[in-house]
Amino acid sequence: MSAPLVAVLDYGIGNLRSAQKALIRMGADAHLTADPGLIADATGVVLPGVGAFGACMRALHTTGLAEQAIGAAASGRPFIGICVGMQLLYNGSEESPGVEGLGILDGEVQLLPDGVKRPQMQWNRLNLLQPDHPSVAGLGDPWLYFVHSYAAPAGGSTVATVEYGGDVTAIVAQDNVWATQCHPEKSSTAGLALLGNWVETLTGDNR
């Protein structure tokens, strides 16, 4: 079986290649791209991101990839947001008032609680709220690596949280859309396993 084609949306911010390389390692034919044709042909689409919410949204619009991301998520194909890419899926963020997010997921990204160091820059242990969800299959008692000052809102789509001055949303899943606040490509075996679980959905093995 040939490796499934994955489009990693390349809007010119951050080290997007590390996510691409991790996906290749887990069996995907992953390409950094802004090409609408390749994105349309891809079996799955990845929205990575680092930096500020507002700057990332501006870059997505400048490259035309905001519309591509919304269309890919609406198509029903497997879609995953990583780190700030997770936050961009929401309606907006306290980090950048007045800047609209992609609106793929409902709610506003919020500043981490008072009384903790910002950013959270550490390994942290997942608390699995939906241990049977395929995104966390086989992860066991996972520790993942986080670097962020803002986090997605809690809700019924929350698969896992971490403790950091309270429960902080770490993984969400809504239908074909998954998102993780951690950097799975920097999270050793557990992070690669999470990406591997997503890659399996591309072949139908994990649906």
Protein backbone atom coordinates (compact mmCIF):
# COMPACT_ATOMS: atom_id res chain seq x y z
CA MET A 1 0.00 0.00 0.00
CA SER A 2 1.37 3.43 -0.92
CA ALA A 3 1.87 6.03 1.80
CA PRO A 4 -1.16 8.34 2.18
CA LEU A 5 -0.69 11.86 0.80
CA VAL A 6 -0.67 14.52 3.52
CA ALA A 7 -0.65 18.28 2.97
CA VAL A 8 1.13 20.22 5.72
CA LEU A 9 -0.07 23.79 5.21
CA ASP A 10 2.94 26.01 4.60
CA TYR A 11 2.13 29.63 5.43
CA GLY A 12 5.68 30.65 6.20
CA ILE A 13 5.66 30.87 9.99
CA GLY A 14 7.74 28.69 12.29
CA ASN A 15 9.55 25.42 11.82
CA LEU A 16 6.89 23.53 9.91
CA ARG A 17 9.37 21.01 8.56
CA SER A 18 9.71 19.23 11.91
CA ALA A 19 6.04 18.24 11.81
CA GLN A 20 6.42 17.12 8.19
CA LYS A 21 9.41 14.92 9.04
CA ALA A 22 7.59 13.33 11.99
CA LEU A 23 4.62 12.48 9.76
CA ILE A 24 6.91 10.92 7.17
CA ARG A 25 8.48 8.84 9.94
CA MET A 26 5.00 7.58 10.86
CA GLY A 27 4.24 6.45 7.33
CA ALA A 28 2.71 9.45 5.57
CA ASP A 29 3.77 10.97 2.26
CA ALA A 30 3.80 14.45 3.83
CA HIS A 31 4.48 17.60 1.83
CA LEU A 32 4.87 21.21 2.98
CA THR A 33 2.63 23.04 0.54
CA ALA A 34 0.48 26.04 -0.26
CA ASP A 35 -0.68 24.48 -3.56
CA PRO A 36 -4.49 24.29 -3.67
CA GLY A 37 -4.32 21.33 -6.05
CA LEU A 38 -2.12 19.25 -3.77
CA ILE A 39 -4.25 20.21 -0.76
CA ALA A 40 -7.39 19.13 -2.61
CA ASP A 41 -5.77 15.80 -3.55
CA ALA A 42 -4.43 15.07 -0.07
CA THR A 43 -5.96 12.32 2.02
CA GLY A 44 -5.32 14.35 5.17
CA VAL A 45 -4.40 17.94 6.02
CA VAL A 46 -2.23 19.31 8.84
CA LEU A 47 -2.24 22.85 10.24
CA PRO A 48 0.87 23.37 12.38
CA GLY A 49 1.85 26.67 13.97
CA VAL A 50 4.09 28.55 16.36
CA GLY A 51 4.11 32.17 17.48
CA ALA A 52 1.29 34.66 17.99
CA PHE A 53 -2.32 33.95 17.05
CA GLY A 54 -2.78 37.21 15.15
CA ALA A 55 0.41 36.90 13.12
CA CYS A 56 -0.45 33.32 12.16
CA MET A 57 -3.97 34.28 11.07
CA ARG A 58 -2.63 37.13 8.95
CA ALA A 59 -0.16 34.77 7.30
CA LEU A 60 -2.92 32.24 6.62
CA HIS A 61 -5.02 34.88 4.89
CA THR A 62 -2.06 36.32 2.96
CA THR A 63 -1.21 32.91 1.53
CA GLY A 64 -4.83 31.98 0.85
CA LEU A 65 -4.53 29.03 3.23
CA ALA A 66 -7.25 30.14 5.63
CA GLU A 67 -9.87 29.24 3.05
CA GLN A 68 -8.00 26.06 2.17
CA ALA A 69 -7.95 24.98 5.83
CA ILE A 70 -11.66 25.66 6.30
CA GLY A 71 -12.49 23.77 3.12
CA ALA A 72 -10.31 20.81 4.04
CA ALA A 73 -11.89 20.50 7.48
CA ALA A 74 -15.39 20.77 6.00
CA SER A 75 -14.59 18.07 3.42
CA GLY A 76 -14.65 15.33 6.05
CA ARG A 77 -11.05 14.32 5.41
CA PRO A 78 -8.81 13.75 8.43
CA PHE A 79 -7.52 17.12 9.64
CA ILE A 80 -5.22 17.91 12.56
CA GLY A 81 -4.10 21.19 14.12
CA ILE A 82 -0.85 21.27 16.10
CA CYS A 83 0.15 23.79 18.81
CA VAL A 84 -0.89 27.28 17.59
CA GLY A 85 -2.47 25.44 14.67
CA MET A 86 -4.91 24.05 17.24
CA GLN A 87 -5.71 27.53 18.54
CA LEU A 88 -6.32 28.89 15.03
CA LEU A 89 -9.23 26.47 14.62
CA TYR A 90 -11.31 28.46 17.14
CA ASN A 91 -13.32 31.66 16.74
CA GLY A 92 -10.64 33.85 18.28
CA SER A 93 -8.05 34.25 21.02
CA GLU A 94 -7.52 36.55 23.99
CA GLU A 95 -3.98 36.93 22.65
CA SER A 96 -5.18 38.90 19.61
CA PRO A 97 -8.47 40.70 20.35
CA GLY A 98 -10.48 41.46 17.25
CA VAL A 99 -8.70 38.89 15.09
CA GLU A 100 -11.08 36.21 13.85
CA GLY A 101 -9.92 32.61 13.89
CA LEU A 102 -10.95 29.96 11.40
CA GLY A 103 -14.15 29.12 13.30
CA ILE A 104 -13.85 25.41 12.62
CA LEU A 105 -14.27 24.78 16.36
CA ASP A 106 -16.45 26.92 18.60
CA GLY A 107 -15.09 29.05 21.43
CA GLU A 108 -12.27 31.44 22.30
CA VAL A 109 -8.70 30.55 23.19
CA GLN A 110 -7.84 31.81 26.67
CA LEU A 111 -4.73 32.86 28.61
CA LEU A 112 -3.37 30.20 30.95
CA PRO A 113 -4.53 30.63 34.57
CA ASP A 114 -3.05 33.18 36.94
CA GLY A 115 -0.43 31.86 39.31
CA VAL A 116 1.48 29.74 36.79
CA LYS A 117 4.54 30.56 34.74
CA ARG A 118 3.75 31.58 31.18
CA PRO A 119 4.54 30.02 28.83
CA GLN A 120 4.13 26.48 30.04
CA MET A 121 7.41 25.09 28.74
CA GLN A 122 7.72 21.54 30.01
CA TRP A 123 6.71 17.91 29.75
CA ASN A 124 3.28 17.29 31.23
CA ARG A 125 1.15 14.22 31.80
CA LEU A 126 -2.12 13.77 29.93
CA ASN A 127 -5.34 13.19 31.81
CA LEU A 128 -7.45 11.17 29.37
CA LEU A 129 -11.10 12.23 29.47
CA GLN A 130 -11.93 10.03 26.47
CA PRO A 131 -9.48 7.13 26.82
CA ASP A 132 -11.20 5.17 24.03
CA HIS A 133 -10.76 7.90 21.43
CA PRO A 134 -8.48 6.75 18.59
CA SER A 135 -6.21 9.79 18.97
CA VAL A 136 -4.86 8.41 22.25
CA ALA A 137 -4.97 4.70 21.43
CA GLY A 138 -1.96 2.86 22.79
CA LEU A 139 -0.44 5.92 24.47
CA GLY A 140 -0.66 4.39 27.94
CA ASP A 141 0.31 6.97 30.59
CA PRO A 142 1.63 9.64 28.23
CA TRP A 143 3.87 12.62 28.91
CA LEU A 144 4.03 15.19 26.12
CA TYR A 145 5.98 18.41 25.57
CA PHE A 146 4.21 21.78 25.72
CA VAL A 147 5.26 25.35 24.90
CA HIS A 148 2.32 27.78 25.11
CA SER A 149 0.76 30.66 27.04
CA TYR A 150 -2.81 30.24 25.73
CA ALA A 151 -5.10 27.24 25.58
CA ALA A 152 -8.30 26.10 23.91
CA PRO A 153 -11.57 26.21 25.85
CA ALA A 154 -12.94 23.12 27.58
CA GLY A 155 -15.91 21.36 26.05
CA GLY A 156 -17.44 18.10 24.94
CA SER A 157 -14.80 17.68 22.26
CA THR A 158 -11.98 17.60 24.84
CA VAL A 159 -10.15 14.28 24.69
CA ALA A 160 -7.38 15.05 27.19
CA THR A 161 -6.22 17.76 29.57
CA VAL A 162 -3.07 18.53 31.54
CA GLU A 163 -2.80 20.02 35.02
CA TYR A 164 -1.25 23.49 34.95
CA GLY A 165 -2.91 25.77 37.47
CA GLY A 166 -6.11 23.86 36.71
CA ASP A 167 -7.29 21.66 33.87
CA VAL A 168 -5.84 22.86 30.55
CA THR A 169 -7.17 21.48 27.26
CA ALA A 170 -4.49 19.39 25.56
CA ILE A 171 -6.25 17.35 22.84
CA VAL A 172 -9.63 17.86 21.20
CA ALA A 173 -11.50 15.92 18.54
CA GLN A 174 -14.67 16.81 16.70
CA ASP A 175 -15.65 14.42 13.94
CA ASN A 176 -12.78 14.42 11.40
CA VAL A 177 -10.94 17.30 13.10
CA TRP A 178 -8.31 16.54 15.73
CA ALA A 179 -6.07 19.06 17.45
CA THR A 180 -3.29 18.92 20.01
CA GLN A 181 -1.70 21.71 22.03
CA CYS A 182 1.52 19.80 22.57
CA HIS A 183 4.33 19.46 20.06
CA PRO A 184 3.99 15.74 19.19
CA GLU A 185 7.09 15.92 16.98
CA LYS A 186 9.08 16.90 20.11
CA SER A 187 7.33 14.48 22.47
CA SER A 188 9.36 11.31 21.88
CA THR A 189 7.54 7.98 21.65
CA ALA A 190 4.15 9.18 22.91
CA GLY A 191 4.06 12.14 20.52
CA LEU A 192 4.97 10.02 17.53
CA ALA A 193 2.33 7.49 18.57
CA LEU A 194 -0.28 10.26 18.59
CA LEU A 195 0.74 11.27 15.06
CA GLY A 196 0.78 7.61 14.08
CA ASN A 197 -2.81 7.25 15.29
CA TRP A 198 -3.80 10.14 13.03
CA VAL A 199 -1.93 8.67 10.06
CA GLU A 200 -3.83 5.40 10.59
CA THR A 201 -7.12 7.27 10.04
CA LEU A 202 -5.90 8.09 6.54
CA THR A 203 -5.97 4.43 5.59
CA GLY A 204 -9.19 3.67 7.44
CA ASP A 205 -7.44 1.47 9.99
CA ASN A 206 -8.51 3.57 12.95
CA ARG A 207 -12.00 4.73 12.01
